[in-house]
Structures are given as C-alpha cells and as structure tokens.
Amino acid sequence: MGDKSPAVPVIPPALLDAPQTCGYLGIGKTHLHEMVRAGKFGPSPVRLGRCVRYRRVELDAWLAAGCPSRERWAMLSKARADQ
C-alpha cells in the first residue's frame, strides 16, 4: 500500500535576509530600512561578505523586549550578557 516516509521536520533558518526579516516582523522592506537608518531597529546585522542577515533569536528577544531603539537594545543586550 502506501509507503509513508517519516516526516522531515522543517527547521526555520537561524539567519534571515532582509525580505525574510520583513516577513517575519510583518513590515515592508522600506519600513525596515527607515527603522535601521533612524536607529529604531535594535538587532545588529550579521554580515557574511556582502550579505546582511539578522539572527532570528535576536529578533525574537527584541520583540519580547518591546522593540526598543538600537541604543536601548545595545544596553539591554550588554546587561543580559553580563548576567
């Protein structure tokens, strides 16, 4: 009858590019770039050559913290790392 293969789990990527980040946050690409330029986007990018990516876990933590500005996020991240 039917040969059922075990389901392969879908693992979300750890690093998201700009379009994936926008989709994850539910914002447009222009809005993301405006937030970055204005210092309102906290998570730091990861640069892989010319590619820019954002850590999904950092995006989650930033959202949980209430989306603070880049400056405030840096202070919160440093305090968290010092614990």
N, C-alpha and C. Protein backbone atom coordinates (compact mmCIF):
# COMPACT_ATOMS: atom_id res chain seq x y z
N MET A 1 0.83 -1.17 0.00
CA MET A 1 0.00 0.00 0.00
C MET A 1 0.87 1.24 0.00
N GLY A 2 0.53 2.18 0.82
CA GLY A 2 1.28 3.44 0.83
C GLY A 2 2.53 3.37 1.67
N ASP A 3 3.65 3.67 1.06
CA ASP A 3 4.91 3.72 1.80
C ASP A 3 5.05 5.12 2.35
N LYS A 4 4.86 5.24 3.66
CA LYS A 4 4.94 6.55 4.29
C LYS A 4 6.34 6.76 4.86
N SER A 5 7.01 7.75 4.35
CA SER A 5 8.32 8.12 4.87
C SER A 5 8.11 8.95 6.13
N PRO A 6 9.05 8.87 7.06
CA PRO A 6 8.92 9.70 8.25
C PRO A 6 8.95 11.18 7.87
N ALA A 7 8.15 11.96 8.55
CA ALA A 7 8.09 13.39 8.27
C ALA A 7 9.43 14.04 8.61
N VAL A 8 9.90 14.85 7.73
CA VAL A 8 11.15 15.58 7.95
C VAL A 8 10.78 16.91 8.58
N PRO A 9 11.32 17.18 9.77
CA PRO A 9 10.95 18.45 10.41
C PRO A 9 11.49 19.64 9.62
N VAL A 10 10.70 20.68 9.57
CA VAL A 10 11.12 21.90 8.90
C VAL A 10 11.78 22.78 9.97
N ILE A 11 13.03 23.08 9.76
CA ILE A 11 13.78 23.89 10.71
C ILE A 11 13.90 25.30 10.14
N PRO A 12 13.35 26.28 10.86
CA PRO A 12 13.46 27.65 10.35
C PRO A 12 14.93 28.10 10.37
N PRO A 13 15.31 28.94 9.43
CA PRO A 13 16.70 29.38 9.38
C PRO A 13 17.06 30.23 10.59
N ALA A 14 18.31 30.12 11.03
CA ALA A 14 18.79 30.90 12.16
C ALA A 14 19.07 32.35 11.75
N LEU A 15 19.44 32.53 10.48
CA LEU A 15 19.73 33.86 9.95
C LEU A 15 18.73 34.19 8.85
N LEU A 16 18.16 35.39 8.93
CA LEU A 16 17.16 35.81 7.95
C LEU A 16 17.70 36.98 7.13
N ASP A 17 17.46 36.96 5.82
CA ASP A 17 17.83 38.10 5.00
C ASP A 17 16.76 39.18 5.15
N ALA A 18 16.92 40.30 4.48
CA ALA A 18 16.00 41.43 4.66
C ALA A 18 14.55 41.06 4.31
N PRO A 19 14.28 40.42 3.15
CA PRO A 19 12.89 40.06 2.86
C PRO A 19 12.30 39.08 3.88
N GLN A 20 13.11 38.12 4.34
CA GLN A 20 12.63 37.17 5.35
C GLN A 20 12.38 37.89 6.68
N THR A 21 13.26 38.82 7.03
CA THR A 21 13.09 39.59 8.26
C THR A 21 11.82 40.41 8.20
N CYS A 22 11.58 41.03 7.06
CA CYS A 22 10.36 41.83 6.89
C CYS A 22 9.12 40.95 7.02
N GLY A 23 9.14 39.78 6.40
CA GLY A 23 8.02 38.86 6.51
C GLY A 23 7.82 38.39 7.93
N TYR A 24 8.91 38.11 8.62
CA TYR A 24 8.86 37.64 10.00
C TYR A 24 8.26 38.70 10.92
N LEU A 25 8.61 39.97 10.67
CA LEU A 25 8.13 41.07 11.50
C LEU A 25 6.81 41.66 11.01
N GLY A 26 6.43 41.31 9.79
CA GLY A 26 5.19 41.85 9.24
C GLY A 26 5.30 43.30 8.82
N ILE A 27 6.48 43.69 8.34
CA ILE A 27 6.69 45.06 7.88
C ILE A 27 7.25 45.03 6.46
N GLY A 28 7.21 46.18 5.79
CA GLY A 28 7.74 46.29 4.45
C GLY A 28 9.24 46.56 4.47
N LYS A 29 9.88 46.30 3.35
CA LYS A 29 11.33 46.49 3.23
C LYS A 29 11.72 47.96 3.43
N THR A 30 10.93 48.87 2.90
CA THR A 30 11.20 50.30 3.07
C THR A 30 11.13 50.68 4.54
N HIS A 31 10.13 50.15 5.24
CA HIS A 31 9.98 50.45 6.66
C HIS A 31 11.18 49.92 7.45
N LEU A 32 11.63 48.72 7.12
CA LEU A 32 12.81 48.16 7.79
C LEU A 32 14.01 49.08 7.59
N HIS A 33 14.26 49.49 6.37
CA HIS A 33 15.41 50.34 6.08
C HIS A 33 15.28 51.70 6.77
N GLU A 34 14.06 52.24 6.85
CA GLU A 34 13.85 53.51 7.55
C GLU A 34 14.14 53.35 9.04
N MET A 35 13.70 52.23 9.63
CA MET A 35 13.96 51.99 11.05
C MET A 35 15.46 51.86 11.31
N VAL A 36 16.16 51.12 10.45
CA VAL A 36 17.60 50.95 10.60
C VAL A 36 18.29 52.31 10.52
N ARG A 37 17.94 53.10 9.51
CA ARG A 37 18.55 54.41 9.28
C ARG A 37 18.29 55.36 10.45
N ALA A 38 17.10 55.28 11.06
CA ALA A 38 16.73 56.18 12.15
C ALA A 38 17.21 55.69 13.52
N GLY A 39 17.81 54.50 13.57
CA GLY A 39 18.29 53.97 14.84
C GLY A 39 17.19 53.36 15.69
N LYS A 40 16.07 53.01 15.06
CA LYS A 40 14.94 52.45 15.79
C LYS A 40 14.88 50.92 15.71
N PHE A 41 15.79 50.32 14.96
CA PHE A 41 15.82 48.87 14.81
C PHE A 41 16.98 48.34 15.62
N GLY A 42 16.69 47.61 16.69
CA GLY A 42 17.70 47.19 17.64
C GLY A 42 18.66 46.11 17.19
N PRO A 43 18.18 45.00 16.63
CA PRO A 43 19.09 43.89 16.32
C PRO A 43 20.20 44.30 15.35
N SER A 44 21.41 43.87 15.68
CA SER A 44 22.56 44.15 14.82
C SER A 44 22.60 43.14 13.68
N PRO A 45 22.96 43.59 12.50
CA PRO A 45 23.06 42.65 11.38
C PRO A 45 24.30 41.79 11.48
N VAL A 46 24.23 40.64 10.86
CA VAL A 46 25.38 39.76 10.70
C VAL A 46 25.78 39.90 9.24
N ARG A 47 27.03 40.25 9.01
CA ARG A 47 27.49 40.43 7.63
C ARG A 47 28.28 39.20 7.20
N LEU A 48 27.84 38.62 6.11
CA LEU A 48 28.52 37.47 5.50
C LEU A 48 28.97 37.92 4.12
N GLY A 49 30.17 38.47 4.06
CA GLY A 49 30.61 39.08 2.81
C GLY A 49 29.76 40.32 2.57
N ARG A 50 29.09 40.35 1.44
CA ARG A 50 28.19 41.47 1.14
C ARG A 50 26.77 41.23 1.61
N CYS A 51 26.49 40.03 2.08
CA CYS A 51 25.14 39.67 2.53
C CYS A 51 24.90 40.17 3.95
N VAL A 52 23.70 40.67 4.19
CA VAL A 52 23.30 41.12 5.52
C VAL A 52 22.20 40.19 5.99
N ARG A 53 22.36 39.68 7.20
CA ARG A 53 21.38 38.78 7.80
C ARG A 53 21.09 39.23 9.22
N TYR A 54 19.94 38.80 9.75
CA TYR A 54 19.58 39.09 11.13
C TYR A 54 19.33 37.77 11.84
N ARG A 55 19.79 37.67 13.09
CA ARG A 55 19.59 36.46 13.89
C ARG A 55 18.13 36.37 14.32
N ARG A 56 17.50 35.26 14.02
CA ARG A 56 16.09 35.06 14.39
C ARG A 56 15.91 35.13 15.90
N VAL A 57 16.83 34.53 16.65
CA VAL A 57 16.69 34.55 18.12
C VAL A 57 16.81 35.97 18.65
N GLU A 58 17.64 36.79 18.02
CA GLU A 58 17.75 38.19 18.46
C GLU A 58 16.50 38.97 18.10
N LEU A 59 15.92 38.67 16.95
CA LEU A 59 14.66 39.32 16.58
C LEU A 59 13.57 38.96 17.61
N ASP A 60 13.52 37.68 18.00
CA ASP A 60 12.53 37.25 19.00
C ASP A 60 12.73 37.97 20.32
N ALA A 61 13.98 38.06 20.77
CA ALA A 61 14.28 38.74 22.04
C ALA A 61 13.95 40.23 21.96
N TRP A 62 14.26 40.84 20.82
CA TRP A 62 13.97 42.26 20.61
C TRP A 62 12.46 42.51 20.65
N LEU A 63 11.70 41.64 20.01
CA LEU A 63 10.23 41.76 20.04
C LEU A 63 9.71 41.59 21.46
N ALA A 64 10.23 40.61 22.18
CA ALA A 64 9.79 40.36 23.56
C ALA A 64 10.11 41.53 24.47
N ALA A 65 11.17 42.28 24.15
CA ALA A 65 11.57 43.44 24.96
C ALA A 65 10.78 44.69 24.59
N GLY A 66 9.89 44.59 23.62
CA GLY A 66 9.07 45.74 23.24
C GLY A 66 9.63 46.60 22.13
N CYS A 67 10.55 46.05 21.34
CA CYS A 67 11.12 46.73 20.18
C CYS A 67 11.84 48.04 20.53
N PRO A 68 12.78 47.99 21.48
CA PRO A 68 13.49 49.22 21.83
C PRO A 68 14.40 49.70 20.72
N SER A 69 14.83 50.97 20.84
CA SER A 69 15.74 51.55 19.85
C SER A 69 17.07 50.81 19.86
N ARG A 70 17.88 51.06 18.85
CA ARG A 70 19.19 50.41 18.75
C ARG A 70 20.04 50.68 19.99
N GLU A 71 20.05 51.93 20.44
CA GLU A 71 20.85 52.31 21.61
C GLU A 71 20.36 51.57 22.86
N ARG A 72 19.06 51.58 23.09
CA ARG A 72 18.49 50.92 24.26
C ARG A 72 18.69 49.40 24.16
N TRP A 73 18.53 48.85 22.97
CA TRP A 73 18.71 47.42 22.77
C TRP A 73 20.15 47.01 23.08
N ALA A 74 21.12 47.83 22.67
CA ALA A 74 22.52 47.54 22.95
C ALA A 74 22.76 47.49 24.45
N MET A 75 22.17 48.42 25.19
CA MET A 75 22.33 48.43 26.65
C MET A 75 21.67 47.20 27.28
N LEU A 76 20.47 46.86 26.81
CA LEU A 76 19.78 45.68 27.34
C LEU A 76 20.55 44.40 27.03
N SER A 77 21.08 44.31 25.82
CA SER A 77 21.82 43.11 25.42
C SER A 77 23.11 42.98 26.22
N LYS A 78 23.77 44.09 26.48
CA LYS A 78 25.00 44.06 27.27
C LYS A 78 24.69 43.64 28.70
N ALA A 79 23.63 44.18 29.27
CA ALA A 79 23.25 43.83 30.64
C ALA A 79 22.90 42.35 30.73
N ARG A 80 22.21 41.85 29.73
CA ARG A 80 21.84 40.43 29.70
C ARG A 80 23.08 39.54 29.59
N ALA A 81 24.06 39.97 28.80
CA ALA A 81 25.28 39.19 28.62
C ALA A 81 26.14 39.21 29.89
N ASP A 82 26.07 40.28 30.66
CA ASP A 82 26.86 40.41 31.89
C ASP A 82 26.31 39.55 33.03
N GLN A 83 25.09 39.08 32.90
CA GLN A 83 24.48 38.29 33.98
C GLN A 83 25.04 36.91 34.08
